[in-house]
Amino acid sequence: MKLQLIGRGNLPLLTFIMDGGSDDSILNISALSRKLGCSRSSFIDRCRDYGLDSAIRYYLEEQRKKKLKE
């Protein structure tokens, strides 16, 4: 099974392949925040203030910036 988090304009923000094993924990907010490289509380605060898709896009952009610095 494939899980896609879709943002504005039907553009996929994140895509996960769910194999029925340990990957299923991605539905957990803690696991999602770890995958995005941020703390759970920061992710929840950002979701509350800006919405889920905006929070995911923000932390994906932060990850991209970190990779460019390395």
Foldseek 3Di string as FASTA:
>chain_A
DKDFDADPPRHTLDIDDCPPPPSVCCVPLQVVCVVLPHGSVVLVVCCVVPNNVVSSNVSVVVVVVVVVVD
